[in-house]
Amino acid sequence: MAHPTAPCCEIRTLVLHTYPDGIKAFGHERITTPMGRRGKPVKKLRLIPAERAYAWARKLQGTPGTTVSVL
């Protein structure tokens, strides 16, 4: 079997967790929003190249009351 020689990157998904009450604890409301390729909210999970997903995560991580996950 031949191994692929073309460059490949890992594929990830980007999820933004928003806490409307501002409290990140068990039992408090959390809204999970999947993010798309252009950094806009979408309805279901989208696959994004890993480099772009981590770049968007770094950009969004300072937002108050939110947590960013790259899955």
PDB file of N, CA and C in Angstrom:
ATOM      1  N   MET A   1       0.835  -1.177   0.000  1.00  0.00           N
ATOM      2  CA  MET A   1       0.000   0.000   0.000  1.00  0.00           C
ATOM      3  C   MET A   1       0.882   1.242   0.000  1.00  0.00           C
ATOM      4  N   ALA A   2       0.493   2.177  -0.799  1.00  0.00           N
ATOM      5  CA  ALA A   2       1.241   3.423  -0.890  1.00  0.00           C
ATOM      6  C   ALA A   2       0.691   4.436   0.104  1.00  0.00           C
ATOM      7  N   HIS A   3       1.577   5.218   0.663  1.00  0.00           N
ATOM      8  CA  HIS A   3       1.178   6.281   1.577  1.00  0.00           C
ATOM      9  C   HIS A   3       0.928   7.551   0.772  1.00  0.00           C
ATOM     10  N   PRO A   4      -0.058   8.356   1.152  1.00  0.00           N
ATOM     11  CA  PRO A   4      -0.289   9.600   0.420  1.00  0.00           C
ATOM     12  C   PRO A   4       0.894  10.554   0.596  1.00  0.00           C
ATOM     13  N   THR A   5       1.297  11.196  -0.489  1.00  0.00           N
ATOM     14  CA  THR A   5       2.433  12.111  -0.433  1.00  0.00           C
ATOM     15  C   THR A   5       1.986  13.563  -0.421  1.00  0.00           C
ATOM     16  N   ALA A   6       0.722  13.814  -0.686  1.00  0.00           N
ATOM     17  CA  ALA A   6       0.226  15.189  -0.701  1.00  0.00           C
ATOM     18  C   ALA A   6       0.184  15.731   0.719  1.00  0.00           C
ATOM     19  N   PRO A   7       0.447  17.019   0.904  1.00  0.00           N
ATOM     20  CA  PRO A   7       0.353  17.577   2.261  1.00  0.00           C
ATOM     21  C   PRO A   7      -1.085  17.530   2.754  1.00  0.00           C
ATOM     22  N   CYS A   8      -1.254  17.159   3.995  1.00  0.00           N
ATOM     23  CA  CYS A   8      -2.597  17.095   4.567  1.00  0.00           C
ATOM     24  C   CYS A   8      -2.581  17.768   5.934  1.00  0.00           C
ATOM     25  N   CYS A   9      -3.720  18.265   6.318  1.00  0.00           N
ATOM     26  CA  CYS A   9      -3.833  18.897   7.630  1.00  0.00           C
ATOM     27  C   CYS A   9      -4.972  18.222   8.386  1.00  0.00           C
ATOM     28  N   GLU A  10      -4.907  18.317   9.676  1.00  0.00           N
ATOM     29  CA  GLU A  10      -5.965  17.749  10.496  1.00  0.00           C
ATOM     30  C   GLU A  10      -7.226  18.591  10.344  1.00  0.00           C
ATOM     31  N   ILE A  11      -8.355  17.951  10.537  1.00  0.00           N
ATOM     32  CA  ILE A  11      -9.632  18.650  10.427  1.00  0.00           C
ATOM     33  C   ILE A  11     -10.288  18.672  11.796  1.00  0.00           C
ATOM     34  N   ARG A  12     -10.761  19.831  12.205  1.00  0.00           N
ATOM     35  CA  ARG A  12     -11.353  20.020  13.526  1.00  0.00           C
ATOM     36  C   ARG A  12     -12.691  20.746  13.397  1.00  0.00           C
ATOM     37  N   THR A  13     -13.381  20.854  14.523  1.00  0.00           N
ATOM     38  CA  THR A  13     -14.581  21.682  14.609  1.00  0.00           C
ATOM     39  C   THR A  13     -14.364  22.712  15.715  1.00  0.00           C
ATOM     40  N   LEU A  14     -15.026  23.849  15.585  1.00  0.00           N
ATOM     41  CA  LEU A  14     -14.881  24.943  16.546  1.00  0.00           C
ATOM     42  C   LEU A  14     -16.232  25.192  17.202  1.00  0.00           C
ATOM     43  N   VAL A  15     -16.256  25.215  18.539  1.00  0.00           N
ATOM     44  CA  VAL A  15     -17.494  25.395  19.290  1.00  0.00           C
ATOM     45  C   VAL A  15     -17.296  26.524  20.297  1.00  0.00           C
ATOM     46  N   LEU A  16     -18.276  27.410  20.384  1.00  0.00           N
ATOM     47  CA  LEU A  16     -18.246  28.525  21.324  1.00  0.00           C
ATOM     48  C   LEU A  16     -19.299  28.274  22.396  1.00  0.00           C
ATOM     49  N   HIS A  17     -18.886  28.222  23.660  1.00  0.00           N
ATOM     50  CA  HIS A  17     -19.795  28.022  24.790  1.00  0.00           C
ATOM     51  C   HIS A  17     -20.026  29.384  25.436  1.00  0.00           C
ATOM     52  N   THR A  18     -21.284  29.815  25.508  1.00  0.00           N
ATOM     53  CA  THR A  18     -21.630  31.108  26.090  1.00  0.00           C
ATOM     54  C   THR A  18     -22.404  30.889  27.383  1.00  0.00           C
ATOM     55  N   TYR A  19     -22.026  31.631  28.416  1.00  0.00           N
ATOM     56  CA  TYR A  19     -22.685  31.553  29.717  1.00  0.00           C
ATOM     57  C   TYR A  19     -23.443  32.858  29.941  1.00  0.00           C
ATOM     58  N   PRO A  20     -24.779  32.881  29.721  1.00  0.00           N
ATOM     59  CA  PRO A  20     -25.542  34.117  29.848  1.00  0.00           C
ATOM     60  C   PRO A  20     -25.506  34.723  31.253  1.00  0.00           C
ATOM     61  N   ASP A  21     -25.436  33.890  32.285  1.00  0.00           N
ATOM     62  CA  ASP A  21     -25.389  34.403  33.658  1.00  0.00           C
ATOM     63  C   ASP A  21     -23.993  34.868  34.044  1.00  0.00           C
ATOM     64  N   GLY A  22     -22.997  34.479  33.251  1.00  0.00           N
ATOM     65  CA  GLY A  22     -21.618  34.835  33.557  1.00  0.00           C
ATOM     66  C   GLY A  22     -20.957  33.893  34.545  1.00  0.00           C
ATOM     67  N   ILE A  23     -21.649  32.816  34.944  1.00  0.00           N
ATOM     68  CA  ILE A  23     -21.124  31.871  35.916  1.00  0.00           C
ATOM     69  C   ILE A  23     -20.820  30.562  35.205  1.00  0.00           C
ATOM     70  N   LYS A  24     -19.552  30.159  35.227  1.00  0.00           N
ATOM     71  CA  LYS A  24     -19.129  28.910  34.591  1.00  0.00           C
ATOM     72  C   LYS A  24     -19.093  27.808  35.642  1.00  0.00           C
ATOM     73  N   ALA A  25     -20.246  27.322  36.044  1.00  0.00           N
ATOM     74  CA  ALA A  25     -20.324  26.287  37.069  1.00  0.00           C
ATOM     75  C   ALA A  25     -21.415  25.294  36.700  1.00  0.00           C
ATOM     76  N   PHE A  26     -21.353  24.116  37.321  1.00  0.00           N
ATOM     77  CA  PHE A  26     -22.341  23.083  37.084  1.00  0.00           C
ATOM     78  C   PHE A  26     -23.724  23.583  37.505  1.00  0.00           C
ATOM     79  N   GLY A  27     -24.713  23.317  36.670  1.00  0.00           N
ATOM     80  CA  GLY A  27     -26.085  23.696  36.994  1.00  0.00           C
ATOM     81  C   GLY A  27     -26.510  25.015  36.390  1.00  0.00           C
ATOM     82  N   HIS A  28     -25.589  25.798  35.879  1.00  0.00           N
ATOM     83  CA  HIS A  28     -25.938  27.066  35.253  1.00  0.00           C
ATOM     84  C   HIS A  28     -26.082  26.871  33.747  1.00  0.00           C
ATOM     85  N   GLU A  29     -26.874  27.729  33.141  1.00  0.00           N
ATOM     86  CA  GLU A  29     -27.168  27.612  31.718  1.00  0.00           C
ATOM     87  C   GLU A  29     -25.924  27.844  30.873  1.00  0.00           C
ATOM     88  N   ARG A  30     -25.768  27.016  29.826  1.00  0.00           N
ATOM     89  CA  ARG A  30     -24.680  27.155  28.871  1.00  0.00           C
ATOM     90  C   ARG A  30     -25.251  26.995  27.468  1.00  0.00           C
ATOM     91  N   ILE A  31     -24.962  27.929  26.591  1.00  0.00           N
ATOM     92  CA  ILE A  31     -25.419  27.869  25.209  1.00  0.00           C
ATOM     93  C   ILE A  31     -24.225  27.480  24.346  1.00  0.00           C
ATOM     94  N   THR A  32     -24.357  26.379  23.599  1.00  0.00           N
ATOM     95  CA  THR A  32     -23.291  25.887  22.743  1.00  0.00           C
ATOM     96  C   THR A  32     -23.597  26.277  21.308  1.00  0.00           C
ATOM     97  N   THR A  33     -22.659  26.987  20.666  1.00  0.00           N
ATOM     98  CA  THR A  33     -22.840  27.464  19.305  1.00  0.00           C
ATOM     99  C   THR A  33     -21.699  26.959  18.432  1.00  0.00           C
ATOM    100  N   PRO A  34     -21.983  26.111  17.434  1.00  0.00           N
ATOM    101  CA  PRO A  34     -20.924  25.706  16.514  1.00  0.00           C
ATOM    102  C   PRO A  34     -20.563  26.853  15.575  1.00  0.00           C
ATOM    103  N   MET A  35     -19.283  26.968  15.259  1.00  0.00           N
ATOM    104  CA  MET A  35     -18.810  28.034  14.388  1.00  0.00           C
ATOM    105  C   MET A  35     -18.409  27.444  13.038  1.00  0.00           C
ATOM    106  N   GLY A  36     -18.618  28.212  11.977  1.00  0.00           N
ATOM    107  CA  GLY A  36     -18.308  27.762  10.623  1.00  0.00           C
ATOM    108  C   GLY A  36     -16.927  28.182  10.165  1.00  0.00           C
ATOM    109  N   ARG A  37     -16.669  27.987   8.890  1.00  0.00           N
ATOM    110  CA  ARG A  37     -15.350  28.259   8.318  1.00  0.00           C
ATOM    111  C   ARG A  37     -14.974  29.728   8.329  1.00  0.00           C
ATOM    112  N   ARG A  38     -15.944  30.599   8.299  1.00  0.00           N
ATOM    113  CA  ARG A  38     -15.664  32.037   8.269  1.00  0.00           C
ATOM    114  C   ARG A  38     -15.800  32.684   9.634  1.00  0.00           C
ATOM    115  N   GLY A  39     -15.936  31.870  10.679  1.00  0.00           N
ATOM    116  CA  GLY A  39     -16.058  32.408  12.024  1.00  0.00           C
ATOM    117  C   GLY A  39     -17.457  32.850  12.381  1.00  0.00           C
ATOM    118  N   LYS A  40     -18.424  32.478  11.590  1.00  0.00           N
ATOM    119  CA  LYS A  40     -19.823  32.829  11.842  1.00  0.00           C
ATOM    120  C   LYS A  40     -20.537  31.638  12.477  1.00  0.00           C
ATOM    121  N   PRO A  41     -21.537  31.876  13.333  1.00  0.00           N
ATOM    122  CA  PRO A  41     -22.305  30.775  13.918  1.00  0.00           C
ATOM    123  C   PRO A  41     -23.095  30.020  12.852  1.00  0.00           C
ATOM    124  N   VAL A  42     -23.129  28.700  12.968  1.00  0.00           N
ATOM    125  CA  VAL A  42     -23.890  27.838  12.061  1.00  0.00           C
ATOM    126  C   VAL A  42     -24.781  26.925  12.887  1.00  0.00           C
ATOM    127  N   LYS A  43     -25.693  26.206  12.225  1.00  0.00           N
ATOM    128  CA  LYS A  43     -26.652  25.376  12.957  1.00  0.00           C
ATOM    129  C   LYS A  43     -26.101  24.018  13.371  1.00  0.00           C
ATOM    130  N   LYS A  44     -25.180  23.440  12.594  1.00  0.00           N
ATOM    131  CA  LYS A  44     -24.605  22.153  12.959  1.00  0.00           C
ATOM    132  C   LYS A  44     -23.085  22.208  12.796  1.00  0.00           C
ATOM    133  N   LEU A  45     -22.400  21.221  13.374  1.00  0.00           N
ATOM    134  CA  LEU A  45     -20.941  21.219  13.361  1.00  0.00           C
ATOM    135  C   LEU A  45     -20.402  21.184  11.940  1.00  0.00           C
ATOM    136  N   ARG A  46     -19.385  21.994  11.674  1.00  0.00           N
ATOM    137  CA  ARG A  46     -18.709  22.028  10.385  1.00  0.00           C
ATOM    138  C   ARG A  46     -17.249  21.666  10.597  1.00  0.00           C
ATOM    139  N   LEU A  47     -16.674  20.964   9.636  1.00  0.00           N
ATOM    140  CA  LEU A  47     -15.269  20.611   9.708  1.00  0.00           C
ATOM    141  C   LEU A  47     -14.434  21.739   9.122  1.00  0.00           C
ATOM    142  N   ILE A  48     -13.368  22.126   9.838  1.00  0.00           N
ATOM    143  CA  ILE A  48     -12.508  23.239   9.466  1.00  0.00           C
ATOM    144  C   ILE A  48     -11.063  22.731   9.524  1.00  0.00           C
ATOM    145  N   PRO A  49     -10.185  23.206   8.643  1.00  0.00           N
ATOM    146  CA  PRO A  49      -8.770  22.852   8.803  1.00  0.00           C
ATOM    147  C   PRO A  49      -8.257  23.295  10.173  1.00  0.00           C
ATOM    148  N   ALA A  50      -7.384  22.498  10.767  1.00  0.00           N
ATOM    149  CA  ALA A  50      -6.933  22.733  12.137  1.00  0.00           C
ATOM    150  C   ALA A  50      -6.294  24.107  12.317  1.00  0.00           C
ATOM    151  N   GLU A  51      -5.476  24.546  11.361  1.00  0.00           N
ATOM    152  CA  GLU A  51      -4.818  25.852  11.490  1.00  0.00           C
ATOM    153  C   GLU A  51      -5.839  26.975  11.636  1.00  0.00           C
ATOM    154  N   ARG A  52      -6.876  26.939  10.808  1.00  0.00           N
ATOM    155  CA  ARG A  52      -7.900  27.983  10.852  1.00  0.00           C
ATOM    156  C   ARG A  52      -8.714  27.906  12.133  1.00  0.00           C
ATOM    157  N   ALA A  53      -9.035  26.677  12.579  1.00  0.00           N
ATOM    158  CA  ALA A  53      -9.815  26.514  13.811  1.00  0.00           C
ATOM    159  C   ALA A  53      -9.061  27.076  15.012  1.00  0.00           C
ATOM    160  N   TYR A  54      -7.768  26.796  15.113  1.00  0.00           N
ATOM    161  CA  TYR A  54      -6.993  27.311  16.238  1.00  0.00           C
ATOM    162  C   TYR A  54      -6.806  28.823  16.134  1.00  0.00           C
ATOM    163  N   ALA A  55      -6.703  29.363  14.922  1.00  0.00           N
ATOM    164  CA  ALA A  55      -6.591  30.817  14.755  1.00  0.00           C
ATOM    165  C   ALA A  55      -7.859  31.516  15.234  1.00  0.00           C
ATOM    166  N   TRP A  56      -9.038  30.978  14.851  1.00  0.00           N
ATOM    167  CA  TRP A  56     -10.303  31.567  15.314  1.00  0.00           C
ATOM    168  C   TRP A  56     -10.434  31.426  16.825  1.00  0.00           C
ATOM    169  N   ALA A  57      -9.975  30.294  17.385  1.00  0.00           N
ATOM    170  CA  ALA A  57     -10.061  30.097  18.836  1.00  0.00           C
ATOM    171  C   ALA A  57      -9.217  31.132  19.580  1.00  0.00           C
ATOM    172  N   ARG A  58      -8.011  31.422  19.081  1.00  0.00           N
ATOM    173  CA  ARG A  58      -7.178  32.443  19.712  1.00  0.00           C
ATOM    174  C   ARG A  58      -7.840  33.813  19.649  1.00  0.00           C
ATOM    175  N   LYS A  59      -8.523  34.078  18.540  1.00  0.00           N
ATOM    176  CA  LYS A  59      -9.180  35.382  18.389  1.00  0.00           C
ATOM    177  C   LYS A  59     -10.389  35.515  19.318  1.00  0.00           C
ATOM    178  N   LEU A  60     -11.120  34.422  19.538  1.00  0.00           N
ATOM    179  CA  LEU A  60     -12.347  34.457  20.338  1.00  0.00           C
ATOM    180  C   LEU A  60     -12.123  34.209  21.825  1.00  0.00           C
ATOM    181  N   GLN A  61     -10.952  33.787  22.237  1.00  0.00           N
ATOM    182  CA  GLN A  61     -10.766  33.359  23.628  1.00  0.00           C
ATOM    183  C   GLN A  61     -10.851  34.470  24.658  1.00  0.00           C
ATOM    184  N   GLY A  62     -10.680  35.716  24.296  1.00  0.00           N
ATOM    185  CA  GLY A  62     -10.744  36.793  25.267  1.00  0.00           C
ATOM    186  C   GLY A  62     -12.130  37.347  25.506  1.00  0.00           C
ATOM    187  N   THR A  63     -13.148  36.804  24.847  1.00  0.00           N
ATOM    188  CA  THR A  63     -14.506  37.288  24.979  1.00  0.00           C
ATOM    189  C   THR A  63     -15.044  36.966  26.375  1.00  0.00           C
ATOM    190  N   PRO A  64     -15.545  37.965  27.125  1.00  0.00           N
ATOM    191  CA  PRO A  64     -16.036  37.693  28.478  1.00  0.00           C
ATOM    192  C   PRO A  64     -17.285  36.794  28.473  1.00  0.00           C
ATOM    193  N   GLY A  65     -17.324  35.866  29.416  1.00  0.00           N
ATOM    194  CA  GLY A  65     -18.477  34.987  29.575  1.00  0.00           C
ATOM    195  C   GLY A  65     -18.546  33.862  28.567  1.00  0.00           C
ATOM    196  N   THR A  66     -17.431  33.552  27.889  1.00  0.00           N
ATOM    197  CA  THR A  66     -17.436  32.493  26.898  1.00  0.00           C
ATOM    198  C   THR A  66     -16.228  31.584  27.078  1.00  0.00           C
ATOM    199  N   THR A  67     -16.344  30.383  26.528  1.00  0.00           N
ATOM    200  CA  THR A  67     -15.254  29.430  26.451  1.00  0.00           C
ATOM    201  C   THR A  67     -15.221  28.905  25.030  1.00  0.00           C
ATOM    202  N   VAL A  68     -14.040  28.712  24.468  1.00  0.00           N
ATOM    203  CA  VAL A  68     -13.890  28.238  23.101  1.00  0.00           C
ATOM    204  C   VAL A  68     -13.298  26.836  23.134  1.00  0.00           C
ATOM    205  N   SER A  69     -13.873  25.920  22.330  1.00  0.00           N
ATOM    206  CA  SER A  69     -13.363  24.546  22.245  1.00  0.00           C
ATOM    207  C   SER A  69     -13.079  24.210  20.800  1.00  0.00           C
ATOM    208  N   VAL A  70     -11.941  23.570  20.579  1.00  0.00           N
ATOM    209  CA  VAL A  70     -11.614  23.022  19.261  1.00  0.00           C
ATOM    210  C   VAL A  70     -11.653  21.511  19.427  1.00  0.00           C
ATOM    211  N   LEU A  71     -12.615  20.881  18.778  1.00  0.00           N
ATOM    212  CA  LEU A  71     -12.825  19.432  18.921  1.00  0.00           C
ATOM    213  C   LEU A  71     -12.301  18.695  17.724  1.00  0.00           C
TER     214      LEU A  71
END
